């Protein structure tokens, strides 16, 4: 187990509320929708901050968290101070599945933790992740084939693969099985969640030992969108933030003329109407190439889960 940078032993945790469960990922696989549906359950407490990311210490240098995110154990545990003794407390940080140290850090903090992971067919995951990274201005190459071909980056002396590093499904799942009993780890398949949100959420509620008969509001949070223009999206973001003399003046004018709610709504409508659109249909040739690349991962995950994902995801037709 990788040593943590800050003590999480009995003395440090005495009398403190620690999370009971963790949604560990993956990105673009329904984690946001699951978080939103679970946090509405009266027997579950999840903080307003969906992705604290605190326990993925190995990724902090690669993907720095904003200053408002927890930087210390005290700040992290403060997120769960509002949970009652009758509630299950949890959080959702998709980076914990990619992280090589998060599983050990979670086990050190909470040995009895319940772990929830969601796996998505790799080719569709990579396509959706690419659109998300474009939206967040992490990725600048709008062509998926070029983005994947040039995904290797040097960060903090490490070679990072922006997409392939996420698609190490079997290895990621084994890290959690190495430190938690099998009954503490629930691996879900994104297809099941998309096909029947409610049934999947009720399965999660049973896994967490809370009332699974409670009413469930089905949600589709964080949908995948296409960025029509990276430059236009950047311009709208700049206007929204009020950076620069021109955008600052424009924002001050809008602030003087419109209430905050209307102002935010207008900028949001601009981004939805002009900047974002429905994703393009997948390039079948590129999808085939991605499936050939990731077929070993699908085979390995099928063996880990005892389920034929090769057939479910169409990899049986890939040589």
C-alpha atoms as a PDB file:
ATOM      1  CA  UNK A   1       0.000   0.000   0.000  1.00  0.00           C
ATOM      2  CA  UNK A   2       1.375   3.406  -0.939  1.00  0.00           C
ATOM      3  CA  UNK A   3       2.084   5.606   2.066  1.00  0.00           C
ATOM      4  CA  UNK A   4      -0.161   8.626   2.328  1.00  0.00           C
ATOM      5  CA  UNK A   5       1.258  12.153   2.651  1.00  0.00           C
ATOM      6  CA  UNK A   6      -0.818  12.836   5.725  1.00  0.00           C
ATOM      7  CA  UNK A   7      -1.575  10.529   8.637  1.00  0.00           C
ATOM      8  CA  UNK A   8      -4.960   8.838   8.441  1.00  0.00           C
ATOM      9  CA  UNK A   9      -4.431   6.612  11.468  1.00  0.00           C
ATOM     10  CA  UNK A  10      -6.780   6.231  14.485  1.00  0.00           C
ATOM     11  CA  UNK A  11      -5.398   9.316  16.244  1.00  0.00           C
ATOM     12  CA  UNK A  12      -5.999  11.557  13.244  1.00  0.00           C
ATOM     13  CA  UNK A  13      -9.487  10.155  12.635  1.00  0.00           C
ATOM     14  CA  UNK A  14     -10.773   9.877  16.196  1.00  0.00           C
ATOM     15  CA  UNK A  15     -14.298  11.269  16.346  1.00  0.00           C
ATOM     16  CA  UNK A  16     -14.211  12.273  12.672  1.00  0.00           C
ATOM     17  CA  UNK A  17     -16.738  11.208  10.050  1.00  0.00           C
ATOM     18  CA  UNK A  18     -15.126   9.397   7.150  1.00  0.00           C
ATOM     19  CA  UNK A  19     -16.865   8.326   3.923  1.00  0.00           C
ATOM     20  CA  UNK A  20     -18.540   4.915   3.842  1.00  0.00           C
ATOM     21  CA  UNK A  21     -18.547   4.504   0.066  1.00  0.00           C
ATOM     22  CA  UNK A  22     -16.789   5.781  -3.031  1.00  0.00           C
ATOM     23  CA  UNK A  23     -17.896   6.039  -6.651  1.00  0.00           C
ATOM     24  CA  UNK A  24     -14.482   5.661  -8.220  1.00  0.00           C
ATOM     25  CA  UNK A  25     -15.256   6.060 -11.938  1.00  0.00           C
ATOM     26  CA  UNK A  26     -14.910   6.068 -14.883  1.00  0.00           C
ATOM     27  CA  UNK A  27     -15.446   9.524 -16.366  1.00  0.00           C
ATOM     28  CA  UNK A  28     -18.242   9.791 -18.961  1.00  0.00           C
ATOM     29  CA  UNK A  29     -19.752   6.559 -17.663  1.00  0.00           C
ATOM     30  CA  UNK A  30     -22.719   7.798 -15.648  1.00  0.00           C
ATOM     31  CA  UNK A  31     -20.909   8.748 -12.448  1.00  0.00           C
ATOM     32  CA  UNK A  32     -22.481  12.215 -12.347  1.00  0.00           C
ATOM     33  CA  UNK A  33     -26.002  10.856 -12.848  1.00  0.00           C
ATOM     34  CA  UNK A  34     -25.414   8.175 -10.201  1.00  0.00           C
ATOM     35  CA  UNK A  35     -24.069  10.787  -7.771  1.00  0.00           C
ATOM     36  CA  UNK A  36     -27.080  13.050  -8.341  1.00  0.00           C
ATOM     37  CA  UNK A  37     -29.590  10.233  -7.865  1.00  0.00           C
ATOM     38  CA  UNK A  38     -27.931   8.777  -4.777  1.00  0.00           C
ATOM     39  CA  UNK A  39     -27.544  12.102  -2.980  1.00  0.00           C
ATOM     40  CA  UNK A  40     -31.328  12.583  -3.094  1.00  0.00           C
ATOM     41  CA  UNK A  41     -31.841   9.449  -0.966  1.00  0.00           C
ATOM     42  CA  UNK A  42     -32.644  10.313   2.677  1.00  0.00           C
ATOM     43  CA  UNK A  43     -30.252   7.656   4.007  1.00  0.00           C
ATOM     44  CA  UNK A  44     -27.311   8.886   1.935  1.00  0.00           C
ATOM     45  CA  UNK A  45     -25.135  11.952   2.392  1.00  0.00           C
ATOM     46  CA  UNK A  46     -22.887  13.191  -0.408  1.00  0.00           C
ATOM     47  CA  UNK A  47     -21.210  16.624  -0.356  1.00  0.00           C
ATOM     48  CA  UNK A  48     -22.028  19.394  -2.815  1.00  0.00           C
ATOM     49  CA  UNK A  49     -18.554  18.985  -4.281  1.00  0.00           C
ATOM     50  CA  UNK A  50     -18.933  15.925  -6.488  1.00  0.00           C
ATOM     51  CA  UNK A  51     -15.262  15.184  -7.181  1.00  0.00           C
ATOM     52  CA  UNK A  52     -13.005  15.977  -4.211  1.00  0.00           C
ATOM     53  CA  UNK A  53     -10.169  13.925  -5.825  1.00  0.00           C
ATOM     54  CA  UNK A  54      -8.224  14.231  -2.560  1.00  0.00           C
ATOM     55  CA  UNK A  55      -7.234  10.559  -2.312  1.00  0.00           C
ATOM     56  CA  UNK A  56      -5.664  10.408  -5.790  1.00  0.00           C
ATOM     57  CA  UNK A  57      -2.388  11.878  -4.566  1.00  0.00           C
ATOM     58  CA  UNK A  58      -0.406  10.557  -7.537  1.00  0.00           C
ATOM     59  CA  UNK A  59      -2.500  12.608  -9.971  1.00  0.00           C
ATOM     60  CA  UNK A  60      -2.256  15.946  -8.182  1.00  0.00           C
ATOM     61  CA  UNK A  61       0.874  17.032 -10.031  1.00  0.00           C
ATOM     62  CA  UNK A  62      -0.587  15.883 -13.353  1.00  0.00           C
ATOM     63  CA  UNK A  63      -4.068  17.364 -12.866  1.00  0.00           C
ATOM     64  CA  UNK A  64      -3.887  20.067 -10.155  1.00  0.00           C
ATOM     65  CA  UNK A  65      -7.098  20.664  -8.237  1.00  0.00           C
ATOM     66  CA  UNK A  66      -8.486  24.200  -7.911  1.00  0.00           C
ATOM     67  CA  UNK A  67      -7.666  25.958  -4.605  1.00  0.00           C
ATOM     68  CA  UNK A  68     -11.298  25.514  -3.517  1.00  0.00           C
ATOM     69  CA  UNK A  69     -10.853  21.717  -3.483  1.00  0.00           C
ATOM     70  CA  UNK A  70      -9.647  19.998  -0.285  1.00  0.00           C
ATOM     71  CA  UNK A  71      -5.873  20.203   0.053  1.00  0.00           C
ATOM     72  CA  UNK A  72      -5.576  18.672   3.531  1.00  0.00           C
ATOM     73  CA  UNK A  73      -7.148  15.768   5.394  1.00  0.00           C
ATOM     74  CA  UNK A  74      -9.038  18.191   7.651  1.00  0.00           C
ATOM     75  CA  UNK A  75     -10.530  19.957   4.640  1.00  0.00           C
ATOM     76  CA  UNK A  76     -11.437  16.649   3.043  1.00  0.00           C
ATOM     77  CA  UNK A  77     -13.159  15.214   6.121  1.00  0.00           C
ATOM     78  CA  UNK A  78     -15.023  18.509   6.630  1.00  0.00           C
ATOM     79  CA  UNK A  79     -16.989  17.620   3.480  1.00  0.00           C
ATOM     80  CA  UNK A  80     -18.720  14.831   5.418  1.00  0.00           C
ATOM     81  CA  UNK A  81     -19.280  16.607   8.731  1.00  0.00           C
ATOM     82  CA  UNK A  82     -22.959  17.156   7.879  1.00  0.00           C
ATOM     83  CA  UNK A  83     -23.747  13.446   7.594  1.00  0.00           C
ATOM     84  CA  UNK A  84     -25.939  12.050  10.362  1.00  0.00           C
ATOM     85  CA  UNK A  85     -25.177   8.817  12.162  1.00  0.00           C
ATOM     86  CA  UNK A  86     -28.078   7.191  10.287  1.00  0.00           C
ATOM     87  CA  UNK A  87     -26.728   8.092   6.843  1.00  0.00           C
ATOM     88  CA  UNK A  88     -24.188   6.475   4.577  1.00  0.00           C
ATOM     89  CA  UNK A  89     -21.637   9.110   3.584  1.00  0.00           C
ATOM     90  CA  UNK A  90     -19.962   8.916   0.209  1.00  0.00           C
ATOM     91  CA  UNK A  91     -18.238  10.772  -2.585  1.00  0.00           C
ATOM     92  CA  UNK A  92     -17.689  10.402  -6.335  1.00  0.00           C
ATOM     93  CA  UNK A  93     -14.229  10.989  -7.831  1.00  0.00           C
ATOM     94  CA  UNK A  94     -13.798   9.262 -11.212  1.00  0.00           C
ATOM     95  CA  UNK A  95     -10.043   9.851 -11.083  1.00  0.00           C
ATOM     96  CA  UNK A  96      -9.785   7.252  -8.290  1.00  0.00           C
ATOM     97  CA  UNK A  97     -10.071   4.463 -10.861  1.00  0.00           C
ATOM     98  CA  UNK A  98      -7.247   5.806 -13.008  1.00  0.00           C
ATOM     99  CA  UNK A  99      -5.082   6.597  -9.967  1.00  0.00           C
ATOM    100  CA  UNK A 100      -2.521   3.983  -8.978  1.00  0.00           C
ATOM    101  CA  UNK A 101      -2.571   5.009  -5.306  1.00  0.00           C
ATOM    102  CA  UNK A 102      -6.219   5.860  -4.558  1.00  0.00           C
ATOM    103  CA  UNK A 103      -7.299   2.281  -3.806  1.00  0.00           C
ATOM    104  CA  UNK A 104      -4.669   1.963  -1.099  1.00  0.00           C
ATOM    105  CA  UNK A 105      -5.417   5.418   0.290  1.00  0.00           C
ATOM    106  CA  UNK A 106      -9.143   4.627   0.516  1.00  0.00           C
ATOM    107  CA  UNK A 107      -8.435   1.322   2.259  1.00  0.00           C
ATOM    108  CA  UNK A 108      -6.197   3.105   4.762  1.00  0.00           C
ATOM    109  CA  UNK A 109      -8.840   5.736   5.463  1.00  0.00           C
ATOM    110  CA  UNK A 110     -11.834   3.392   5.544  1.00  0.00           C
ATOM    111  CA  UNK A 111     -11.095  -0.370   5.486  1.00  0.00           C
ATOM    112  CA  UNK A 112     -14.840  -1.160   5.390  1.00  0.00           C
ATOM    113  CA  UNK A 113     -15.525   1.104   2.416  1.00  0.00           C
ATOM    114  CA  UNK A 114     -17.884   0.069  -0.377  1.00  0.00           C
ATOM    115  CA  UNK A 115     -16.469   0.734  -3.847  1.00  0.00           C
ATOM    116  CA  UNK A 116     -18.563   1.396  -6.972  1.00  0.00           C
ATOM    117  CA  UNK A 117     -16.922   1.387 -10.409  1.00  0.00           C
ATOM    118  CA  UNK A 118     -18.607   1.824 -13.793  1.00  0.00           C
ATOM    119  CA  UNK A 119     -17.013   0.556 -17.011  1.00  0.00           C
ATOM    120  CA  UNK A 120     -17.917   1.722 -20.505  1.00  0.00           C
ATOM    121  CA  UNK A 121     -17.110   0.225 -23.905  1.00  0.00           C
ATOM    122  CA  UNK A 122     -13.659   1.685 -24.669  1.00  0.00           C
ATOM    123  CA  UNK A 123     -14.221   3.154 -28.161  1.00  0.00           C
ATOM    124  CA  UNK A 124     -17.341   5.080 -27.113  1.00  0.00           C
ATOM    125  CA  UNK A 125     -15.615   6.074 -23.866  1.00  0.00           C
ATOM    126  CA  UNK A 126     -12.639   7.548 -25.742  1.00  0.00           C
ATOM    127  CA  UNK A 127     -14.940   9.453 -28.106  1.00  0.00           C
ATOM    128  CA  UNK A 128     -16.981  10.879 -25.250  1.00  0.00           C
ATOM    129  CA  UNK A 129     -13.890  11.685 -23.190  1.00  0.00           C
ATOM    130  CA  UNK A 130     -12.386  13.544 -26.149  1.00  0.00           C
ATOM    131  CA  UNK A 131     -15.474  15.763 -26.411  1.00  0.00           C
ATOM    132  CA  UNK A 132     -15.401  16.400 -22.665  1.00  0.00           C
ATOM    133  CA  UNK A 133     -11.727  17.403 -22.743  1.00  0.00           C
ATOM    134  CA  UNK A 134     -12.415  19.747 -25.650  1.00  0.00           C
ATOM    135  CA  UNK A 135     -15.223  21.303 -23.638  1.00  0.00           C
ATOM    136  CA  UNK A 136     -12.852  21.766 -20.693  1.00  0.00           C
ATOM    137  CA  UNK A 137     -10.077  23.168 -22.937  1.00  0.00           C
ATOM    138  CA  UNK A 138      -7.728  20.378 -21.868  1.00  0.00           C
ATOM    139  CA  UNK A 139      -7.710  18.967 -25.405  1.00  0.00           C
ATOM    140  CA  UNK A 140      -7.180  21.353 -28.328  1.00  0.00           C
ATOM    141  CA  UNK A 141      -7.280  18.898 -31.259  1.00  0.00           C
ATOM    142  CA  UNK A 142     -10.899  18.598 -32.496  1.00  0.00           C
ATOM    143  CA  UNK A 143     -10.142  15.614 -34.746  1.00  0.00           C
ATOM    144  CA  UNK A 144     -10.436  12.467 -32.616  1.00  0.00           C
ATOM    145  CA  UNK A 145      -8.108  10.360 -34.782  1.00  0.00           C
ATOM    146  CA  UNK A 146      -5.363  12.983 -34.528  1.00  0.00           C
ATOM    147  CA  UNK A 147      -5.974  13.481 -30.817  1.00  0.00           C
ATOM    148  CA  UNK A 148      -5.597   9.754 -30.130  1.00  0.00           C
ATOM    149  CA  UNK A 149      -2.531   9.474 -32.388  1.00  0.00           C
ATOM    150  CA  UNK A 150      -0.839  12.303 -30.474  1.00  0.00           C
ATOM    151  CA  UNK A 151      -2.100  11.494 -26.994  1.00  0.00           C
ATOM    152  CA  UNK A 152       1.311  11.008 -25.359  1.00  0.00           C
ATOM    153  CA  UNK A 153       2.360  13.923 -23.152  1.00  0.00           C
ATOM    154  CA  UNK A 154       5.280  14.580 -20.854  1.00  0.00           C
ATOM    155  CA  UNK A 155       4.078  15.677 -17.428  1.00  0.00           C
ATOM    156  CA  UNK A 156       6.305  16.000 -14.378  1.00  0.00           C
ATOM    157  CA  UNK A 157       8.867  13.678 -15.954  1.00  0.00           C
ATOM    158  CA  UNK A 158       6.217  11.057 -16.737  1.00  0.00           C
ATOM    159  CA  UNK A 159       4.850   9.909 -20.071  1.00  0.00           C
ATOM    160  CA  UNK A 160       1.073  10.239 -19.899  1.00  0.00           C
ATOM    161  CA  UNK A 161      -1.368   8.859 -22.449  1.00  0.00           C
ATOM    162  CA  UNK A 162      -4.421  11.076 -22.299  1.00  0.00           C
ATOM    163  CA  UNK A 163      -6.905   8.369 -23.369  1.00  0.00           C
ATOM    164  CA  UNK A 164      -5.254   4.955 -23.162  1.00  0.00           C
ATOM    165  CA  UNK A 165      -4.247   5.430 -19.508  1.00  0.00           C
ATOM    166  CA  UNK A 166      -7.953   5.405 -18.631  1.00  0.00           C
ATOM    167  CA  UNK A 167      -8.603   2.169 -20.508  1.00  0.00           C
ATOM    168  CA  UNK A 168      -6.688  -0.207 -18.271  1.00  0.00           C
ATOM    169  CA  UNK A 169      -9.874  -1.629 -16.883  1.00  0.00           C
ATOM    170  CA  UNK A 170      -8.710  -4.995 -15.528  1.00  0.00           C
ATOM    171  CA  UNK A 171      -5.614  -3.512 -13.890  1.00  0.00           C
ATOM    172  CA  UNK A 172      -7.703  -0.758 -12.300  1.00  0.00           C
ATOM    173  CA  UNK A 173     -10.265  -3.197 -10.922  1.00  0.00           C
ATOM    174  CA  UNK A 174      -7.558  -5.506  -9.579  1.00  0.00           C
ATOM    175  CA  UNK A 175      -6.087  -2.656  -7.540  1.00  0.00           C
ATOM    176  CA  UNK A 176      -9.345  -2.482  -5.573  1.00  0.00           C
ATOM    177  CA  UNK A 177      -9.695  -6.243  -5.280  1.00  0.00           C
ATOM    178  CA  UNK A 178      -6.159  -6.299  -3.839  1.00  0.00           C
ATOM    179  CA  UNK A 179      -7.175  -4.212  -0.804  1.00  0.00           C
ATOM    180  CA  UNK A 180     -10.924  -4.888  -0.421  1.00  0.00           C
ATOM    181  CA  UNK A 181     -12.965  -8.061  -0.073  1.00  0.00           C
ATOM    182  CA  UNK A 182     -14.974  -9.016  -3.185  1.00  0.00           C
ATOM    183  CA  UNK A 183     -18.265  -8.156  -1.470  1.00  0.00           C
ATOM    184  CA  UNK A 184     -17.024  -4.586  -0.939  1.00  0.00           C
ATOM    185  CA  UNK A 185     -16.557  -3.881  -4.654  1.00  0.00           C
ATOM    186  CA  UNK A 186     -19.437  -3.412  -7.091  1.00  0.00           C
ATOM    187  CA  UNK A 187     -18.462  -3.247 -10.777  1.00  0.00           C
ATOM    188  CA  UNK A 188     -21.208  -1.934 -13.041  1.00  0.00           C
ATOM    189  CA  UNK A 189     -21.454  -1.845 -16.819  1.00  0.00           C
ATOM    190  CA  UNK A 190     -22.488   1.463 -18.382  1.00  0.00           C
ATOM    191  CA  UNK A 191     -24.832  -0.275 -20.846  1.00  0.00           C
ATOM    192  CA  UNK A 192     -26.953  -1.581 -17.950  1.00  0.00           C
ATOM    193  CA  UNK A 193     -27.094   1.866 -16.382  1.00  0.00           C
ATOM    194  CA  UNK A 194     -28.174   3.487 -19.650  1.00  0.00           C
ATOM    195  CA  UNK A 195     -30.753   0.787 -20.349  1.00  0.00           C
ATOM    196  CA  UNK A 196     -32.395   1.013 -16.909  1.00  0.00           C
ATOM    197  CA  UNK A 197     -31.161   3.784 -14.605  1.00  0.00           C
ATOM    198  CA  UNK A 198     -33.645   2.981 -11.883  1.00  0.00           C
ATOM    199  CA  UNK A 199     -32.843  -0.738 -11.681  1.00  0.00           C
ATOM    200  CA  UNK A 200     -29.118   0.000 -11.520  1.00  0.00           C
ATOM    201  CA  UNK A 201     -29.561   2.612  -8.794  1.00  0.00           C
ATOM    202  CA  UNK A 202     -31.676   0.209  -6.733  1.00  0.00           C
ATOM    203  CA  UNK A 203     -28.910  -2.372  -7.089  1.00  0.00           C
ATOM    204  CA  UNK A 204     -26.458   0.209  -5.738  1.00  0.00           C
ATOM    205  CA  UNK A 205     -28.803   1.025  -2.841  1.00  0.00           C
ATOM    206  CA  UNK A 206     -28.932  -2.658  -1.880  1.00  0.00           C
ATOM    207  CA  UNK A 207     -25.140  -2.800  -2.099  1.00  0.00           C
ATOM    208  CA  UNK A 208     -24.971   0.141   0.330  1.00  0.00           C
ATOM    209  CA  UNK A 209     -27.479  -1.479   2.713  1.00  0.00           C
ATOM    210  CA  UNK A 210     -30.006   1.344   2.513  1.00  0.00           C
ATOM    211  CA  UNK A 211     -33.707   1.322   1.634  1.00  0.00           C
ATOM    212  CA  UNK A 212     -33.954   0.367  -2.047  1.00  0.00           C
ATOM    213  CA  UNK A 213     -37.710   1.002  -2.223  1.00  0.00           C
ATOM    214  CA  UNK A 214     -37.415   4.795  -1.959  1.00  0.00           C
ATOM    215  CA  UNK A 215     -38.606   6.910  -4.890  1.00  0.00           C
ATOM    216  CA  UNK A 216     -35.883   7.548  -7.475  1.00  0.00           C
ATOM    217  CA  UNK A 217     -35.705  10.546  -9.784  1.00  0.00           C
ATOM    218  CA  UNK A 218     -34.109   9.391 -13.035  1.00  0.00           C
ATOM    219  CA  UNK A 219     -31.554  11.912 -14.303  1.00  0.00           C
ATOM    220  CA  UNK A 220     -29.275  12.330 -17.308  1.00  0.00           C
ATOM    221  CA  UNK A 221     -26.509  14.506 -15.903  1.00  0.00           C
ATOM    222  CA  UNK A 222     -23.402  15.731 -17.717  1.00  0.00           C
ATOM    223  CA  UNK A 223     -24.502  14.654 -21.241  1.00  0.00           C
ATOM    224  CA  UNK A 224     -21.881  14.440 -23.962  1.00  0.00           C
ATOM    225  CA  UNK A 225     -21.880  17.438 -26.298  1.00  0.00           C
ATOM    226  CA  UNK A 226     -19.811  18.517 -29.284  1.00  0.00           C
ATOM    227  CA  UNK A 227     -17.888  21.799 -29.142  1.00  0.00           C
ATOM    228  CA  UNK A 228     -18.648  23.484 -32.466  1.00  0.00           C
ATOM    229  CA  UNK A 229     -15.791  25.964 -32.123  1.00  0.00           C
ATOM    230  CA  UNK A 230     -12.999  25.826 -29.533  1.00  0.00           C
ATOM    231  CA  UNK A 231     -12.228  29.509 -30.177  1.00  0.00           C
ATOM    232  CA  UNK A 232     -15.848  30.584 -29.731  1.00  0.00           C
ATOM    233  CA  UNK A 233     -16.140  28.522 -26.553  1.00  0.00           C
ATOM    234  CA  UNK A 234     -12.966  30.175 -25.218  1.00  0.00           C
ATOM    235  CA  UNK A 235     -14.356  33.609 -26.084  1.00  0.00           C
ATOM    236  CA  UNK A 236     -17.623  32.921 -24.238  1.00  0.00           C
ATOM    237  CA  UNK A 237     -15.674  31.594 -21.234  1.00  0.00           C
ATOM    238  CA  UNK A 238     -13.549  34.768 -21.232  1.00  0.00           C
ATOM    239  CA  UNK A 239     -16.670  36.935 -21.405  1.00  0.00           C
ATOM    240  CA  UNK A 240     -18.251  34.936 -18.577  1.00  0.00           C
ATOM    241  CA  UNK A 241     -15.148  35.347 -16.410  1.00  0.00           C
ATOM    242  CA  UNK A 242     -14.769  39.038 -17.315  1.00  0.00           C
ATOM    243  CA  UNK A 243     -11.082  38.714 -18.167  1.00  0.00           C
ATOM    244  CA  UNK A 244      -9.462  41.348 -20.376  1.00  0.00           C
ATOM    245  CA  UNK A 245     -10.498  44.993 -20.924  1.00  0.00           C
ATOM    246  CA  UNK A 246     -13.141  44.313 -23.593  1.00  0.00           C
ATOM    247  CA  UNK A 247     -14.775  41.336 -21.903  1.00  0.00           C
ATOM    248  CA  UNK A 248     -14.509  43.072 -18.544  1.00  0.00           C
ATOM    249  CA  UNK A 249     -16.377  46.096 -19.875  1.00  0.00           C
ATOM    250  CA  UNK A 250     -18.983  43.854 -21.519  1.00  0.00           C
ATOM    251  CA  UNK A 251     -19.522  41.959 -18.312  1.00  0.00           C
ATOM    252  CA  UNK A 252     -19.840  45.164 -16.284  1.00  0.00           C
ATOM    253  CA  UNK A 253     -22.427  46.451 -18.752  1.00  0.00           C
ATOM    254  CA  UNK A 254     -24.396  43.198 -18.608  1.00  0.00           C
ATOM    255  CA  UNK A 255     -24.156  43.247 -14.821  1.00  0.00           C
ATOM    256  CA  UNK A 256     -25.608  46.744 -14.708  1.00  0.00           C
ATOM    257  CA  UNK A 257     -28.480  45.921 -17.049  1.00  0.00           C
ATOM    258  CA  UNK A 258     -29.418  42.358 -16.073  1.00  0.00           C
ATOM    259  CA  UNK A 259     -29.956  40.503 -12.788  1.00  0.00           C
ATOM    260  CA  UNK A 260     -27.400  37.763 -12.123  1.00  0.00           C
ATOM    261  CA  UNK A 261     -29.846  34.930 -12.895  1.00  0.00           C
ATOM    262  CA  UNK A 262     -30.767  36.370 -16.285  1.00  0.00           C
ATOM    263  CA  UNK A 263     -27.130  37.171 -17.042  1.00  0.00           C
ATOM    264  CA  UNK A 264     -26.001  33.621 -16.328  1.00  0.00           C
ATOM    265  CA  UNK A 265     -28.971  32.261 -18.237  1.00  0.00           C
ATOM    266  CA  UNK A 266     -28.137  34.371 -21.304  1.00  0.00           C
ATOM    267  CA  UNK A 267     -24.525  33.212 -21.357  1.00  0.00           C
ATOM    268  CA  UNK A 268     -25.620  29.635 -20.763  1.00  0.00           C
ATOM    269  CA  UNK A 269     -28.099  29.857 -23.646  1.00  0.00           C
ATOM    270  CA  UNK A 270     -25.355  31.293 -25.862  1.00  0.00           C
ATOM    271  CA  UNK A 271     -23.063  28.391 -25.098  1.00  0.00           C
ATOM    272  CA  UNK A 272     -25.804  25.820 -25.597  1.00  0.00           C
ATOM    273  CA  UNK A 273     -27.079  27.358 -28.827  1.00  0.00           C
ATOM    274  CA  UNK A 274     -23.898  28.570 -30.526  1.00  0.00           C
ATOM    275  CA  UNK A 275     -20.980  26.703 -28.966  1.00  0.00           C
ATOM    276  CA  UNK A 276     -22.310  23.213 -28.282  1.00  0.00           C
ATOM    277  CA  UNK A 277     -24.170  20.762 -30.484  1.00  0.00           C
ATOM    278  CA  UNK A 278     -25.049  17.108 -30.754  1.00  0.00           C
ATOM    279  CA  UNK A 279     -22.045  14.815 -31.249  1.00  0.00           C
ATOM    280  CA  UNK A 280     -21.326  13.758 -34.814  1.00  0.00           C
ATOM    281  CA  UNK A 281     -21.937  10.146 -35.803  1.00  0.00           C
ATOM    282  CA  UNK A 282     -18.936   7.945 -35.022  1.00  0.00           C
ATOM    283  CA  UNK A 283     -16.363   7.291 -37.734  1.00  0.00           C
ATOM    284  CA  UNK A 284     -16.782   3.532 -38.182  1.00  0.00           C
ATOM    285  CA  UNK A 285     -13.230   3.053 -39.470  1.00  0.00           C
ATOM    286  CA  UNK A 286     -11.783   4.842 -36.440  1.00  0.00           C
ATOM    287  CA  UNK A 287     -14.107   2.926 -34.116  1.00  0.00           C
ATOM    288  CA  UNK A 288     -12.794  -0.322 -35.609  1.00  0.00           C
ATOM    289  CA  UNK A 289      -9.196   0.795 -35.050  1.00  0.00           C
ATOM    290  CA  UNK A 290      -9.919   1.707 -31.433  1.00  0.00           C
ATOM    291  CA  UNK A 291     -11.650  -1.612 -30.842  1.00  0.00           C
ATOM    292  CA  UNK A 292      -8.670  -3.529 -32.229  1.00  0.00           C
ATOM    293  CA  UNK A 293      -6.407  -1.560 -29.903  1.00  0.00           C
ATOM    294  CA  UNK A 294      -8.538  -2.118 -26.814  1.00  0.00           C
ATOM    295  CA  UNK A 295      -9.774  -5.667 -27.391  1.00  0.00           C
ATOM    296  CA  UNK A 296      -7.214  -7.176 -24.937  1.00  0.00           C
ATOM    297  CA  UNK A 297      -8.591  -4.868 -22.222  1.00  0.00           C
ATOM    298  CA  UNK A 298     -12.158  -5.985 -22.935  1.00  0.00           C
ATOM    299  CA  UNK A 299     -11.123  -9.652 -22.854  1.00  0.00           C
ATOM    300  CA  UNK A 300      -9.331  -9.144 -19.528  1.00  0.00           C
ATOM    301  CA  UNK A 301     -12.264  -7.265 -17.968  1.00  0.00           C
ATOM    302  CA  UNK A 302     -14.666  -9.974 -19.161  1.00  0.00           C
ATOM    303  CA  UNK A 303     -12.574 -12.526 -17.289  1.00  0.00           C
ATOM    304  CA  UNK A 304     -12.475 -10.348 -14.152  1.00  0.00           C
ATOM    305  CA  UNK A 305     -16.254  -9.856 -14.113  1.00  0.00           C
ATOM    306  CA  UNK A 306     -17.212 -13.301 -15.391  1.00  0.00           C
ATOM    307  CA  UNK A 307     -19.326 -11.651 -18.068  1.00  0.00           C
ATOM    308  CA  UNK A 308     -19.099 -11.707 -21.861  1.00  0.00           C
ATOM    309  CA  UNK A 309     -18.338  -8.061 -22.586  1.00  0.00           C
ATOM    310  CA  UNK A 310     -16.568  -9.143 -25.778  1.00  0.00           C
ATOM    311  CA  UNK A 311     -19.918 -10.129 -27.246  1.00  0.00           C
ATOM    312  CA  UNK A 312     -21.931  -7.363 -25.572  1.00  0.00           C
ATOM    313  CA  UNK A 313     -19.643  -4.644 -26.949  1.00  0.00           C
ATOM    314  CA  UNK A 314     -19.178  -6.200 -30.388  1.00  0.00           C
ATOM    315  CA  UNK A 315     -15.511  -7.113 -29.970  1.00  0.00           C
ATOM    316  CA  UNK A 316     -16.182 -10.669 -31.099  1.00  0.00           C
ATOM    317  CA  UNK A 317     -16.266  -9.268 -34.636  1.00  0.00           C
ATOM    318  CA  UNK A 318     -12.807  -7.685 -34.250  1.00  0.00           C
ATOM    319  CA  UNK A 319      -9.851  -9.762 -35.456  1.00  0.00           C
END
